[in-house]
Amino acid sequence: MAARYPELEAPLVMDPTEASINNTFDRLVLCLNDRRVQLINEFRQKQKDRQAAETVRINSLEELSNAKTNLQAGMKQNLLHSTRENIMKDIETKIKQLEVKVKETEVLFDCNAQKLEEAISVLGQLVEREIISTPNYPALLQPSISVGERLIARGIAYDETSQRIYVAGGYGSICVFSIRGEFINRFCEGQVHAPSGIAISGEDVYITDTWQHCIFRYKLPNFNLITKVGETGSGKREFDYPNSITIAPNKDVFITDTYNNRVVVMTPQLKHKQYITHSTMTEPSALKFLDNKVYVLSFTDNPCLHVFNSTGEKLRSFISWGKQGNEQVRGCYSFCFDKKQNIIMGDCYAANIKVFSQEGSLLHTLGDTQEEDKRITPWSIVVTNDNKIICTSSYTKFRLHIFC
């Protein structure tokens, strides 16, 4: 019989819906994503306007030249004074028109040439890849940012407030990146041996260590160690390969105790509260919360996604391994949810990301490619509030992929 744990009474705490974007490049990319067709048309129109202005200028110069020739000829032929005045007025009019067109052209293209080149380059890349807003999940979409480093990547977490990506792995450390993929810092060296799962709750960071069979609690921003709990075993505050970790709406900490075939529920201070077990849930490897339900992914014997309610009662299982064709999930170690509550699963063996509905139907596949340097093996995956998909990949070497 499934184990029980107290019902979650705290309201769902939502992260900020949109983090402030301060970087110019980020603003440009977002703008191009949302308005790419309009921008393309505007750019083409500006090109036409510039060409039209050039045409007017050339024609005006020709007319001025002709007027000058006529004026010179008229002076030689002793034209009437009134005729010469009319020619001069025509010349002045043409000069004014030419000056206006030149000013309009300068206004259209009055910007830093290098920045314009960069903007056009980004625009061309987006058009070439046909990038559209992430919720539509275009098939064969490739990551727009890939950061390579020689380390093993495991768990991943994203802090909406600081817009930083935290990656567990890499020679016993936690690596921190910006949302643009820039390496910021490395923490916990010498403390964690094989960090696997990582979760952020306010200023608290929780990390599982599969080699030491324990859980760490650190305090941001400098990763000051607060608590270390656990040792090898099957009793309370004991673990056998603690893998994934997530935070419940009431701030409780949920951990997949993989080889003990259970989910461990702990307080924010890492005090033991409860177990969740079920005969069909073997070797759980990942878990997430959605609408006060906990989704648990198991990998062996009965590999599928299990759903439990707030009392630990199993509700259903779905997205089983073994389906034929593209819907088959061949090797998933992580999953998450998007704003539409679709299930985003990283399939390492299939080298792609699969998007499923809540009913278990395959909706989209991302990252499929035969190009060796672009292949992904998504080990861990998260979705940001603005629907960027971030995943760690360990195909040939570590990569941090950001789909935006």
Protein backbone atom coordinates (compact mmCIF):
# COMPACT_ATOMS: atom_id res chain seq x y z
CA MET A 1 0.00 0.00 0.00
CA ALA A 2 1.26 3.48 -0.84
CA ALA A 3 2.74 5.47 1.98
CA ARG A 4 1.01 8.68 3.07
CA TYR A 5 2.20 12.17 3.83
CA PRO A 6 0.25 15.21 5.11
CA GLU A 7 -1.82 17.12 2.60
CA LEU A 8 -0.17 20.19 1.21
CA GLU A 9 -2.11 23.21 2.46
CA ALA A 10 0.07 26.11 1.38
CA PRO A 11 -1.00 27.94 -1.78
CA LEU A 12 1.07 27.46 -4.89
CA VAL A 13 3.91 30.00 -4.87
CA MET A 14 4.47 31.29 -8.37
CA ASP A 15 7.77 32.63 -9.57
CA PRO A 16 7.75 36.12 -11.16
CA THR A 17 6.02 35.89 -14.54
CA GLU A 18 8.74 37.80 -16.32
CA ALA A 19 12.28 38.61 -15.19
CA SER A 20 13.73 41.97 -16.12
CA ILE A 21 15.77 41.85 -19.31
CA ASN A 22 18.74 44.21 -19.14
CA ASN A 23 20.99 42.85 -21.84
CA THR A 24 20.68 44.46 -25.27
CA PHE A 25 21.26 41.21 -27.09
CA ASP A 26 18.49 39.48 -25.13
CA ARG A 27 16.10 42.30 -25.98
CA LEU A 28 17.03 42.06 -29.63
CA VAL A 29 16.50 38.30 -29.78
CA LEU A 30 13.14 38.50 -28.00
CA CYS A 31 12.06 41.31 -30.30
CA LEU A 32 13.06 39.37 -33.38
CA ASN A 33 11.33 36.23 -32.11
CA ASP A 34 8.04 38.05 -31.59
CA ARG A 35 8.12 40.37 -34.59
CA ARG A 36 10.41 38.68 -37.08
CA VAL A 37 8.04 38.90 -40.06
CA GLN A 38 7.28 42.55 -39.38
CA LEU A 39 10.97 43.33 -38.94
CA ILE A 40 11.84 41.59 -42.18
CA ASN A 41 9.22 43.59 -44.03
CA GLU A 42 10.38 46.81 -42.39
CA PHE A 43 13.98 46.04 -43.25
CA ARG A 44 13.09 45.30 -46.86
CA GLN A 45 11.03 48.49 -47.03
CA LYS A 46 13.96 50.49 -45.68
CA GLN A 47 16.14 48.96 -48.35
CA LYS A 48 13.59 49.96 -50.98
CA ASP A 49 13.36 53.46 -49.48
CA ARG A 50 17.11 53.81 -49.58
CA GLN A 51 17.21 52.61 -53.18
CA ALA A 52 14.37 54.98 -54.05
CA ALA A 53 16.21 57.85 -52.38
CA GLU A 54 19.34 56.99 -54.34
CA THR A 55 17.31 56.93 -57.54
CA VAL A 56 15.79 60.33 -56.77
CA ARG A 57 19.20 61.73 -55.95
CA ILE A 58 20.71 60.43 -59.18
CA ASN A 59 17.78 61.75 -61.21
CA SER A 60 18.00 65.09 -59.42
CA LEU A 61 21.71 65.31 -60.15
CA GLU A 62 21.03 64.60 -63.81
CA GLU A 63 18.32 67.26 -63.87
CA LEU A 64 20.62 69.72 -62.15
CA SER A 65 23.31 68.98 -64.66
CA ASN A 66 20.87 69.49 -67.52
CA ALA A 67 19.60 72.71 -65.96
CA LYS A 68 23.15 73.97 -65.56
CA THR A 69 23.87 73.15 -69.19
CA ASN A 70 20.71 74.93 -70.30
CA LEU A 71 21.54 77.93 -68.14
CA GLN A 72 25.03 78.19 -69.55
CA ALA A 73 23.69 77.82 -73.05
CA GLY A 74 21.01 80.41 -72.38
CA MET A 75 23.56 82.92 -71.14
CA LYS A 76 25.53 82.47 -74.32
CA GLN A 77 22.36 82.94 -76.38
CA ASN A 78 21.30 86.00 -74.35
CA LEU A 79 18.08 84.42 -73.04
CA LEU A 80 15.58 86.65 -71.39
CA HIS A 81 16.17 87.44 -67.72
CA SER A 82 12.81 85.88 -66.76
CA THR A 83 13.73 82.60 -68.42
CA ARG A 84 17.00 82.45 -66.49
CA GLU A 85 15.11 83.14 -63.25
CA ASN A 86 12.74 80.24 -63.92
CA ILE A 87 15.69 77.93 -64.51
CA MET A 88 17.28 79.07 -61.22
CA LYS A 89 14.04 78.44 -59.30
CA ASP A 90 13.88 74.97 -60.80
CA ILE A 91 17.45 74.32 -59.66
CA GLU A 92 16.70 75.53 -56.12
CA THR A 93 13.62 73.31 -55.96
CA LYS A 94 15.61 70.29 -57.05
CA ILE A 95 18.32 71.03 -54.48
CA LYS A 96 15.75 71.24 -51.67
CA GLN A 97 14.14 67.97 -52.78
CA LEU A 98 17.54 66.34 -52.91
CA GLU A 99 18.43 67.59 -49.41
CA VAL A 100 15.15 66.24 -48.00
CA LYS A 101 15.73 62.83 -49.54
CA VAL A 102 19.27 62.73 -48.23
CA LYS A 103 18.06 63.59 -44.71
CA GLU A 104 15.36 60.91 -44.88
CA THR A 105 17.95 58.36 -45.89
CA GLU A 106 20.22 59.42 -43.04
CA VAL A 107 17.35 59.09 -40.56
CA LEU A 108 16.54 55.59 -41.75
CA PHE A 109 20.13 54.42 -41.40
CA ASP A 110 21.46 56.75 -38.73
CA CYS A 111 22.91 54.08 -36.42
CA ASN A 112 26.14 52.36 -35.55
CA ALA A 113 27.21 50.37 -38.59
CA GLN A 114 28.58 47.50 -36.50
CA LYS A 115 25.37 47.21 -34.47
CA LEU A 116 23.36 47.20 -37.68
CA GLU A 117 25.54 44.41 -39.04
CA GLU A 118 25.03 42.41 -35.83
CA ALA A 119 21.27 42.93 -35.92
CA ILE A 120 21.08 41.88 -39.56
CA SER A 121 23.23 38.83 -38.81
CA VAL A 122 20.95 37.75 -35.94
CA LEU A 123 17.91 38.41 -38.10
CA GLY A 124 19.34 36.25 -40.85
CA GLN A 125 20.09 33.41 -38.44
CA LEU A 126 16.56 33.48 -37.04
CA VAL A 127 15.02 33.54 -40.51
CA GLU A 128 17.27 30.71 -41.66
CA ARG A 129 16.35 28.52 -38.68
CA GLU A 130 12.69 29.62 -38.82
CA ILE A 131 12.70 30.22 -35.09
CA ILE A 132 9.30 31.11 -33.68
CA SER A 133 8.06 31.46 -30.13
CA THR A 134 8.87 28.38 -28.06
CA PRO A 135 5.30 27.35 -27.07
CA ASN A 136 4.69 26.25 -30.68
CA TYR A 137 7.64 23.82 -30.47
CA PRO A 138 8.68 23.75 -34.14
CA ALA A 139 9.95 20.33 -35.20
CA LEU A 140 13.71 19.93 -35.64
CA LEU A 141 14.40 23.13 -33.70
CA GLN A 142 18.06 23.33 -32.78
CA PRO A 143 19.37 25.05 -29.65
CA SER A 144 20.30 28.69 -30.17
CA ILE A 145 23.03 28.61 -27.50
CA SER A 146 25.38 25.71 -26.80
CA VAL A 147 28.21 25.97 -24.29
CA GLY A 148 30.84 23.25 -24.24
CA GLU A 149 33.12 22.31 -21.36
CA ARG A 150 34.89 19.10 -20.42
CA LEU A 151 32.82 17.94 -17.50
CA ILE A 152 29.94 15.59 -16.78
CA ALA A 153 26.60 17.36 -16.48
CA ARG A 154 23.83 15.94 -14.33
CA GLY A 155 21.06 17.98 -12.69
CA ILE A 156 20.04 21.49 -13.65
CA ALA A 157 18.09 24.30 -11.98
CA TYR A 158 17.14 27.81 -13.09
CA ASP A 159 16.69 30.80 -10.78
CA GLU A 160 14.18 33.21 -12.33
CA THR A 161 15.19 36.05 -10.02
CA SER A 162 18.88 36.10 -10.88
CA GLN A 163 18.42 34.51 -14.33
CA ARG A 164 21.21 32.07 -13.55
CA ILE A 165 21.53 28.43 -14.51
CA TYR A 166 22.93 26.01 -11.92
CA VAL A 167 24.41 22.76 -13.20
CA ALA A 168 25.28 19.86 -10.90
CA GLY A 169 28.27 17.85 -12.07
CA GLY A 170 31.74 18.45 -13.32
CA TYR A 171 34.46 17.01 -11.11
CA GLY A 172 32.45 17.44 -7.92
CA SER A 173 31.18 21.00 -8.21
CA ILE A 174 28.23 23.20 -9.10
CA CYS A 175 28.73 25.37 -12.19
CA VAL A 176 26.82 28.62 -12.63
CA PHE A 177 25.98 30.13 -16.03
CA SER A 178 24.06 33.17 -17.24
CA ILE A 179 20.94 32.73 -19.37
CA ARG A 180 23.18 33.53 -22.36
CA GLY A 181 25.40 30.57 -21.52
CA GLU A 182 28.30 32.56 -20.06
CA PHE A 183 30.24 30.75 -17.33
CA ILE A 184 30.06 32.69 -14.04
CA ASN A 185 31.54 30.61 -11.24
CA ARG A 186 32.04 27.18 -9.70
CA PHE A 187 31.09 26.21 -6.15
CA CYS A 188 31.15 23.29 -3.67
CA GLU A 189 34.48 21.87 -4.83
CA GLY A 190 35.79 19.39 -2.27
CA GLN A 191 32.37 19.01 -0.61
CA VAL A 192 30.19 17.25 -3.18
CA HIS A 193 31.59 14.18 -4.95
CA ALA A 194 28.91 13.22 -7.48
CA PRO A 195 26.20 15.91 -7.45
CA SER A 196 23.15 14.73 -9.35
CA GLY A 197 19.96 16.63 -8.53
CA ILE A 198 19.68 20.31 -7.69
CA ALA A 199 16.69 22.43 -6.63
CA ILE A 200 16.34 26.07 -5.60
CA SER A 201 13.85 27.41 -3.06
CA GLY A 202 14.35 31.11 -2.35
CA GLU A 203 17.92 31.42 -1.06
CA ASP A 204 18.17 27.69 -0.30
CA VAL A 205 19.87 25.29 -2.71
CA TYR A 206 19.41 21.53 -2.24
CA ILE A 207 21.81 19.06 -3.88
CA THR A 208 21.81 15.26 -3.98
CA ASP A 209 25.10 13.35 -4.00
CA THR A 210 24.83 9.81 -5.39
CA TRP A 211 28.30 8.73 -4.23
CA GLN A 212 28.03 9.99 -0.68
CA HIS A 213 24.32 9.02 -0.49
CA CYS A 214 23.42 12.32 1.12
CA ILE A 215 21.66 15.65 0.67
CA PHE A 216 23.29 19.08 0.98
CA ARG A 217 21.57 22.34 1.80
CA TYR A 218 23.41 25.53 0.84
CA LYS A 219 22.58 29.23 1.09
CA LEU A 220 22.83 31.57 -1.90
CA PRO A 221 24.60 33.50 -3.27
CA ASN A 222 27.92 32.10 -2.03
CA PHE A 223 26.87 28.49 -1.40
CA ASN A 224 27.46 28.55 2.34
CA LEU A 225 26.90 25.04 3.69
CA ILE A 226 23.94 24.85 6.10
CA THR A 227 23.19 21.14 6.43
CA LYS A 228 24.43 17.78 5.22
CA VAL A 229 22.09 14.83 5.82
CA GLY A 230 22.31 11.13 4.97
CA GLU A 231 24.43 8.04 4.70
CA THR A 232 24.17 4.65 3.00
CA GLY A 233 21.19 2.60 4.15
CA SER A 234 17.42 2.18 3.98
CA GLY A 235 16.27 3.78 7.23
CA LYS A 236 15.21 7.32 8.01
CA ARG A 237 17.73 9.92 6.84
CA GLU A 238 19.48 7.13 4.91
CA PHE A 239 19.69 6.82 1.14
CA ASP A 240 20.82 4.49 -1.60
CA TYR A 241 21.69 6.60 -4.65
CA PRO A 242 19.59 9.74 -4.08
CA ASN A 243 19.12 11.12 -7.56
CA SER A 244 16.53 13.78 -8.37
CA ILE A 245 15.23 16.48 -6.03
CA THR A 246 12.35 18.97 -6.22
CA ILE A 247 10.49 21.42 -3.98
CA ALA A 248 6.77 21.07 -3.15
CA PRO A 249 4.40 24.07 -3.00
CA ASN A 250 4.64 24.00 0.82
CA LYS A 251 8.48 24.05 0.59
CA ASP A 252 8.89 20.37 1.54
CA VAL A 253 11.79 18.64 -0.20
CA PHE A 254 11.09 15.53 -2.32
CA ILE A 255 13.94 13.17 -3.25
CA THR A 256 14.06 10.06 -5.42
CA ASP A 257 15.84 7.43 -3.30
CA THR A 258 16.49 5.36 -6.40
CA TYR A 259 17.79 1.97 -5.23
CA ASN A 260 15.53 2.00 -2.16
CA ASN A 261 12.60 2.26 -4.63
CA ARG A 262 10.96 5.17 -2.87
CA VAL A 263 10.46 8.92 -2.75
CA VAL A 264 11.62 10.56 0.48
CA VAL A 265 9.74 13.60 1.81
CA MET A 266 11.68 15.99 4.09
CA THR A 267 11.12 19.40 5.64
CA PRO A 268 12.96 22.48 4.34
CA GLN A 269 15.44 21.87 7.19
CA LEU A 270 15.92 18.28 5.89
CA LYS A 271 14.07 16.56 8.73
CA HIS A 272 12.43 13.28 7.73
CA LYS A 273 8.65 13.40 7.15
CA GLN A 274 7.40 10.56 4.96
CA TYR A 275 8.02 7.97 2.25
CA ILE A 276 6.09 7.43 -0.97
CA THR A 277 6.31 3.87 -2.29
CA HIS A 278 4.37 1.69 -4.70
CA SER A 279 4.84 -1.83 -6.00
CA THR A 280 4.95 -0.62 -9.61
CA MET A 281 7.40 2.22 -8.95
CA THR A 282 10.91 0.80 -9.20
CA GLU A 283 14.13 2.80 -9.20
CA PRO A 284 12.59 6.29 -9.45
CA SER A 285 14.98 8.63 -11.24
CA ALA A 286 13.19 11.99 -11.50
CA LEU A 287 10.21 13.85 -10.05
CA LYS A 288 8.33 17.14 -10.40
CA PHE A 289 5.29 18.85 -8.87
CA LEU A 290 2.25 20.08 -10.79
CA ASP A 291 -1.09 21.17 -9.26
CA ASN A 292 -0.31 19.51 -5.91
CA LYS A 293 0.39 16.22 -7.65
CA VAL A 294 3.83 14.67 -7.72
CA TYR A 295 4.95 13.06 -10.99
CA VAL A 296 7.62 10.38 -10.56
CA LEU A 297 9.65 8.87 -13.39
CA SER A 298 10.89 5.30 -12.97
CA PHE A 299 13.35 3.76 -15.36
CA THR A 300 13.49 -0.03 -14.90
CA ASP A 301 11.10 -3.01 -14.67
CA ASN A 302 8.01 -0.82 -15.09
CA PRO A 303 9.46 2.24 -16.78
CA CYS A 304 6.84 4.99 -16.98
CA LEU A 305 5.60 8.20 -15.39
CA HIS A 306 3.65 7.71 -12.13
CA VAL A 307 1.30 10.33 -10.67
CA PHE A 308 0.51 10.56 -6.94
CA ASN A 309 -1.92 12.87 -5.17
CA SER A 310 -1.21 14.94 -2.09
CA THR A 311 -1.78 11.97 0.24
CA GLY A 312 0.65 9.68 -1.57
CA GLU A 313 -2.08 7.68 -3.34
CA LYS A 314 -1.18 6.62 -6.85
CA LEU A 315 -3.55 8.03 -9.47
CA ARG A 316 -2.21 6.70 -12.76
CA SER A 317 0.80 5.76 -14.87
CA PHE A 318 1.43 6.70 -18.48
CA ILE A 319 4.03 7.38 -21.21
CA SER A 320 5.36 3.83 -20.99
CA TRP A 321 8.56 2.72 -22.65
CA GLY A 322 8.32 0.23 -25.48
CA LYS A 323 5.93 2.02 -27.83
CA GLN A 324 6.87 1.66 -31.45
CA GLY A 325 7.89 4.53 -33.70
CA ASN A 326 8.56 8.12 -32.74
CA GLU A 327 6.45 7.95 -29.57
CA GLN A 328 8.79 5.41 -27.99
CA VAL A 329 10.69 6.79 -25.00
CA ARG A 330 14.03 5.01 -25.00
CA GLY A 331 16.05 6.55 -22.18
CA CYS A 332 14.68 9.39 -20.09
CA TYR A 333 16.30 10.66 -16.89
CA SER A 334 14.54 14.01 -16.53
CA PHE A 335 11.33 15.84 -17.36
CA CYS A 336 9.51 19.11 -16.62
CA PHE A 337 6.34 21.01 -17.53
CA ASP A 338 5.67 24.03 -19.72
CA LYS A 339 2.99 26.69 -19.22
CA LYS A 340 0.40 24.54 -20.99
CA GLN A 341 1.21 21.68 -18.59
CA ASN A 342 2.69 19.66 -21.44
CA ILE A 343 5.36 17.21 -20.33
CA ILE A 344 8.85 17.91 -21.67
CA MET A 345 11.04 14.80 -21.56
CA GLY A 346 14.71 14.53 -22.43
CA ASP A 347 15.37 11.23 -24.22
CA CYS A 348 19.10 10.47 -24.02
CA TYR A 349 19.06 7.33 -26.15
CA ALA A 350 16.94 8.89 -28.89
CA ALA A 351 19.05 12.07 -28.68
CA ASN A 352 16.08 14.43 -28.65
CA ILE A 353 13.49 16.18 -26.49
CA LYS A 354 9.91 14.92 -26.62
CA VAL A 355 6.83 16.98 -25.77
CA PHE A 356 3.80 15.01 -24.51
CA SER A 357 0.30 16.08 -23.58
CA GLN A 358 -1.13 15.27 -20.15
CA GLU A 359 -2.87 12.33 -21.83
CA GLY A 360 0.47 10.94 -22.96
CA SER A 361 0.20 11.79 -26.67
CA LEU A 362 3.40 12.85 -28.41
CA LEU A 363 3.02 16.44 -29.63
CA HIS A 364 6.47 17.49 -30.82
CA THR A 365 10.09 16.40 -31.01
CA LEU A 366 12.98 18.84 -30.65
CA GLY A 367 16.67 18.51 -31.39
CA ASP A 368 16.59 15.66 -33.91
CA THR A 369 19.70 15.85 -36.04
CA GLN A 370 22.27 13.58 -37.63
CA GLU A 371 25.01 16.21 -37.40
CA GLU A 372 27.56 14.95 -34.90
CA ASP A 373 28.45 18.32 -33.40
CA LYS A 374 24.78 19.26 -32.88
CA ARG A 375 23.51 16.04 -31.30
CA ILE A 376 22.13 16.27 -27.79
CA THR A 377 21.73 13.72 -25.03
CA PRO A 378 19.44 15.63 -22.65
CA TRP A 379 20.28 14.42 -19.16
CA SER A 380 18.42 17.10 -17.23
CA ILE A 381 15.89 19.68 -18.42
CA VAL A 382 14.03 22.78 -17.20
CA VAL A 383 11.63 25.32 -18.72
CA THR A 384 11.80 29.00 -17.76
CA ASN A 385 8.81 31.28 -17.19
CA ASP A 386 9.26 32.76 -20.67
CA ASN A 387 9.36 29.25 -22.20
CA LYS A 388 13.05 28.86 -22.84
CA ILE A 389 14.00 25.18 -22.69
CA ILE A 390 17.36 24.56 -21.01
CA CYS A 391 18.99 21.15 -20.87
CA THR A 392 22.33 19.58 -20.06
CA SER A 393 23.80 17.17 -22.55
CA SER A 394 26.70 14.77 -22.20
CA TYR A 395 27.11 13.55 -25.78
CA THR A 396 30.90 13.30 -26.38
CA LYS A 397 31.37 16.32 -24.08
CA PHE A 398 29.27 18.45 -21.78
CA ARG A 399 27.02 21.00 -23.41
CA LEU A 400 24.49 23.39 -22.00
CA HIS A 401 21.73 23.86 -24.58
CA ILE A 402 19.28 26.76 -24.47
CA PHE A 403 16.29 26.61 -26.81
CA CYS A 404 14.72 30.07 -27.22
